[in-house]
């Protein structure tokens, strides 16, 4: 599970399967936190897995949008 605090100061928990239900802005924010190294509560292995999951998800979004544009 990943815990995220949003603008409303509430903590939301989600897992990889929940990515498609999140707003695109949430995904961008998580990628930014990962790149900035601010996910210090995760182990190196967890950060790596999280990075792979986010990259795969963002690639699927890009592919889906390109197909829709055809």
N, C-alpha and C. Protein backbone atom coordinates (compact mmCIF):
# COMPACT_ATOMS: atom_id res chain seq x y z
N UNK A 1 0.83 -1.19 0.00
CA UNK A 1 0.00 0.00 0.00
C UNK A 1 0.87 1.24 0.00
N UNK A 2 0.41 2.26 -0.70
CA UNK A 2 1.09 3.55 -0.73
C UNK A 2 0.15 4.55 -0.06
N UNK A 3 0.68 5.37 0.84
CA UNK A 3 -0.11 6.40 1.50
C UNK A 3 0.28 7.76 0.97
N UNK A 4 -0.72 8.56 0.62
CA UNK A 4 -0.49 9.89 0.06
C UNK A 4 -1.37 10.89 0.78
N UNK A 5 -0.80 12.03 1.11
CA UNK A 5 -1.59 13.11 1.71
C UNK A 5 -1.90 14.12 0.61
N UNK A 6 -3.17 14.37 0.39
CA UNK A 6 -3.59 15.31 -0.64
C UNK A 6 -3.76 16.70 -0.06
N UNK A 7 -4.18 17.64 -0.91
CA UNK A 7 -4.36 19.03 -0.50
C UNK A 7 -5.32 19.19 0.66
N UNK A 8 -6.28 18.29 0.78
CA UNK A 8 -7.26 18.40 1.86
C UNK A 8 -6.73 17.83 3.19
N UNK A 9 -5.44 17.52 3.24
CA UNK A 9 -4.74 17.00 4.41
C UNK A 9 -5.25 15.64 4.88
N UNK A 10 -6.00 14.94 4.05
CA UNK A 10 -6.42 13.58 4.36
C UNK A 10 -5.41 12.61 3.75
N UNK A 11 -5.21 11.49 4.41
CA UNK A 11 -4.29 10.48 3.90
C UNK A 11 -5.10 9.43 3.14
N UNK A 12 -4.68 9.17 1.91
CA UNK A 12 -5.33 8.18 1.07
C UNK A 12 -4.36 7.04 0.85
N UNK A 13 -4.87 5.80 0.92
CA UNK A 13 -4.04 4.62 0.69
C UNK A 13 -4.52 3.94 -0.58
N UNK A 14 -3.58 3.49 -1.39
CA UNK A 14 -3.93 2.80 -2.61
C UNK A 14 -2.82 1.83 -2.98
N UNK A 15 -3.13 0.95 -3.91
CA UNK A 15 -2.15 0.00 -4.41
C UNK A 15 -2.12 0.11 -5.93
N UNK A 16 -1.23 -0.65 -6.55
CA UNK A 16 -1.01 -0.53 -7.99
C UNK A 16 -2.30 -0.68 -8.79
N UNK A 17 -3.17 -1.58 -8.39
CA UNK A 17 -4.42 -1.79 -9.11
C UNK A 17 -5.34 -0.59 -9.10
N UNK A 18 -5.11 0.34 -8.18
CA UNK A 18 -5.95 1.54 -8.06
C UNK A 18 -5.50 2.67 -8.97
N UNK A 19 -4.37 2.53 -9.66
CA UNK A 19 -3.84 3.62 -10.48
C UNK A 19 -4.87 4.15 -11.46
N UNK A 20 -5.62 3.26 -12.10
CA UNK A 20 -6.55 3.71 -13.13
C UNK A 20 -7.70 4.52 -12.56
N UNK A 21 -7.94 4.44 -11.26
CA UNK A 21 -9.01 5.23 -10.63
C UNK A 21 -8.52 6.59 -10.12
N UNK A 22 -7.21 6.81 -10.16
CA UNK A 22 -6.66 8.08 -9.70
C UNK A 22 -6.71 9.12 -10.81
N UNK A 23 -6.66 10.37 -10.41
CA UNK A 23 -6.58 11.45 -11.39
C UNK A 23 -5.17 11.47 -11.98
N UNK A 24 -5.05 11.92 -13.20
CA UNK A 24 -3.75 12.00 -13.85
C UNK A 24 -2.80 12.89 -13.05
N UNK A 25 -3.33 13.92 -12.43
CA UNK A 25 -2.52 14.82 -11.60
C UNK A 25 -1.89 14.06 -10.43
N UNK A 26 -2.63 13.11 -9.86
CA UNK A 26 -2.09 12.30 -8.75
C UNK A 26 -0.90 11.47 -9.21
N UNK A 27 -1.01 10.89 -10.40
CA UNK A 27 0.09 10.08 -10.94
C UNK A 27 1.31 10.96 -11.18
N UNK A 28 1.09 12.15 -11.73
CA UNK A 28 2.20 13.09 -11.97
C UNK A 28 2.87 13.47 -10.66
N UNK A 29 2.06 13.72 -9.63
CA UNK A 29 2.61 14.09 -8.33
C UNK A 29 3.46 12.97 -7.74
N UNK A 30 2.99 11.73 -7.89
CA UNK A 30 3.75 10.60 -7.36
C UNK A 30 5.07 10.42 -8.11
N UNK A 31 5.04 10.60 -9.42
CA UNK A 31 6.28 10.52 -10.19
C UNK A 31 7.26 11.60 -9.76
N UNK A 32 6.75 12.79 -9.52
CA UNK A 32 7.60 13.89 -9.08
C UNK A 32 8.23 13.59 -7.72
N UNK A 33 7.44 13.07 -6.79
CA UNK A 33 7.97 12.71 -5.47
C UNK A 33 9.05 11.63 -5.60
N UNK A 34 8.82 10.70 -6.48
CA UNK A 34 9.79 9.62 -6.69
C UNK A 34 11.09 10.16 -7.26
N UNK A 35 11.00 11.02 -8.26
CA UNK A 35 12.19 11.60 -8.89
C UNK A 35 12.96 12.48 -7.91
N UNK A 36 12.24 13.21 -7.07
CA UNK A 36 12.89 14.10 -6.10
C UNK A 36 13.45 13.35 -4.89
N UNK A 37 13.20 12.06 -4.81
CA UNK A 37 13.71 11.27 -3.69
C UNK A 37 13.01 11.53 -2.38
N UNK A 38 11.75 11.93 -2.44
CA UNK A 38 11.02 12.27 -1.22
C UNK A 38 10.18 11.12 -0.68
N UNK A 39 10.38 9.92 -1.22
CA UNK A 39 9.66 8.75 -0.72
C UNK A 39 10.59 7.94 0.16
N UNK A 40 11.15 8.60 1.16
CA UNK A 40 12.15 7.97 2.01
C UNK A 40 11.55 6.91 2.93
N UNK A 41 10.23 6.87 3.04
CA UNK A 41 9.61 5.85 3.88
C UNK A 41 9.58 4.49 3.20
N UNK A 42 9.93 4.43 1.91
CA UNK A 42 9.95 3.18 1.16
C UNK A 42 11.38 2.64 1.07
N UNK A 43 11.50 1.33 1.04
CA UNK A 43 12.82 0.73 0.85
C UNK A 43 13.24 0.91 -0.61
N UNK A 44 14.49 0.63 -0.89
CA UNK A 44 15.00 0.75 -2.27
C UNK A 44 14.21 -0.18 -3.19
N UNK A 45 13.96 -1.39 -2.73
CA UNK A 45 13.21 -2.35 -3.54
C UNK A 45 11.79 -1.85 -3.80
N UNK A 46 11.15 -1.29 -2.78
CA UNK A 46 9.79 -0.76 -2.94
C UNK A 46 9.77 0.43 -3.89
N UNK A 47 10.77 1.30 -3.78
CA UNK A 47 10.83 2.46 -4.70
C UNK A 47 11.03 2.00 -6.13
N UNK A 48 11.89 0.99 -6.32
CA UNK A 48 12.12 0.47 -7.66
C UNK A 48 10.83 -0.12 -8.24
N UNK A 49 10.15 -0.93 -7.45
CA UNK A 49 8.89 -1.54 -7.90
C UNK A 49 7.84 -0.48 -8.19
N UNK A 50 7.77 0.53 -7.34
CA UNK A 50 6.82 1.63 -7.53
C UNK A 50 7.14 2.38 -8.81
N UNK A 51 8.41 2.62 -9.06
CA UNK A 51 8.85 3.30 -10.27
C UNK A 51 8.44 2.51 -11.51
N UNK A 52 8.70 1.21 -11.49
CA UNK A 52 8.34 0.37 -12.64
C UNK A 52 6.83 0.40 -12.86
N UNK A 53 6.06 0.28 -11.79
CA UNK A 53 4.59 0.30 -11.91
C UNK A 53 4.09 1.61 -12.49
N UNK A 54 4.61 2.72 -11.99
CA UNK A 54 4.19 4.03 -12.50
C UNK A 54 4.57 4.22 -13.96
N UNK A 55 5.77 3.78 -14.32
CA UNK A 55 6.21 3.92 -15.72
C UNK A 55 5.34 3.08 -16.65
N UNK A 56 5.03 1.86 -16.24
CA UNK A 56 4.18 1.00 -17.07
C UNK A 56 2.79 1.62 -17.22
N UNK A 57 2.27 2.17 -16.14
CA UNK A 57 0.95 2.78 -16.19
C UNK A 57 0.94 4.01 -17.09
N UNK A 58 1.96 4.87 -16.95
CA UNK A 58 1.99 6.07 -17.79
C UNK A 58 2.18 5.72 -19.26
N UNK A 59 2.94 4.68 -19.54
CA UNK A 59 3.08 4.23 -20.94
C UNK A 59 1.74 3.77 -21.49
N UNK A 60 0.98 3.05 -20.67
CA UNK A 60 -0.33 2.58 -21.15
C UNK A 60 -1.26 3.75 -21.44
N UNK A 61 -1.17 4.81 -20.64
CA UNK A 61 -1.99 6.00 -20.88
C UNK A 61 -1.59 6.66 -22.19
N UNK A 62 -0.29 6.79 -22.42
CA UNK A 62 0.20 7.40 -23.66
C UNK A 62 -0.25 6.60 -24.86
N UNK A 63 -0.11 5.28 -24.80
CA UNK A 63 -0.53 4.43 -25.92
C UNK A 63 -2.03 4.55 -26.15
N UNK A 64 -2.80 4.53 -25.08
CA UNK A 64 -4.25 4.63 -25.20
C UNK A 64 -4.66 5.95 -25.85
N UNK A 65 -4.04 7.03 -25.45
CA UNK A 65 -4.38 8.34 -26.03
C UNK A 65 -3.98 8.43 -27.50
N UNK A 66 -2.86 7.82 -27.85
CA UNK A 66 -2.44 7.82 -29.26
C UNK A 66 -3.40 7.02 -30.12
N UNK A 67 -3.88 5.90 -29.60
CA UNK A 67 -4.85 5.08 -30.33
C UNK A 67 -6.16 5.84 -30.50
N UNK A 68 -6.58 6.55 -29.45
CA UNK A 68 -7.83 7.32 -29.53
C UNK A 68 -7.72 8.44 -30.55
N UNK A 69 -6.52 8.96 -30.76
CA UNK A 69 -6.32 10.06 -31.71
C UNK A 69 -6.37 9.59 -33.16
N UNK A 70 -6.25 8.29 -33.40
CA UNK A 70 -6.24 7.77 -34.77
C UNK A 70 -7.59 7.84 -35.42
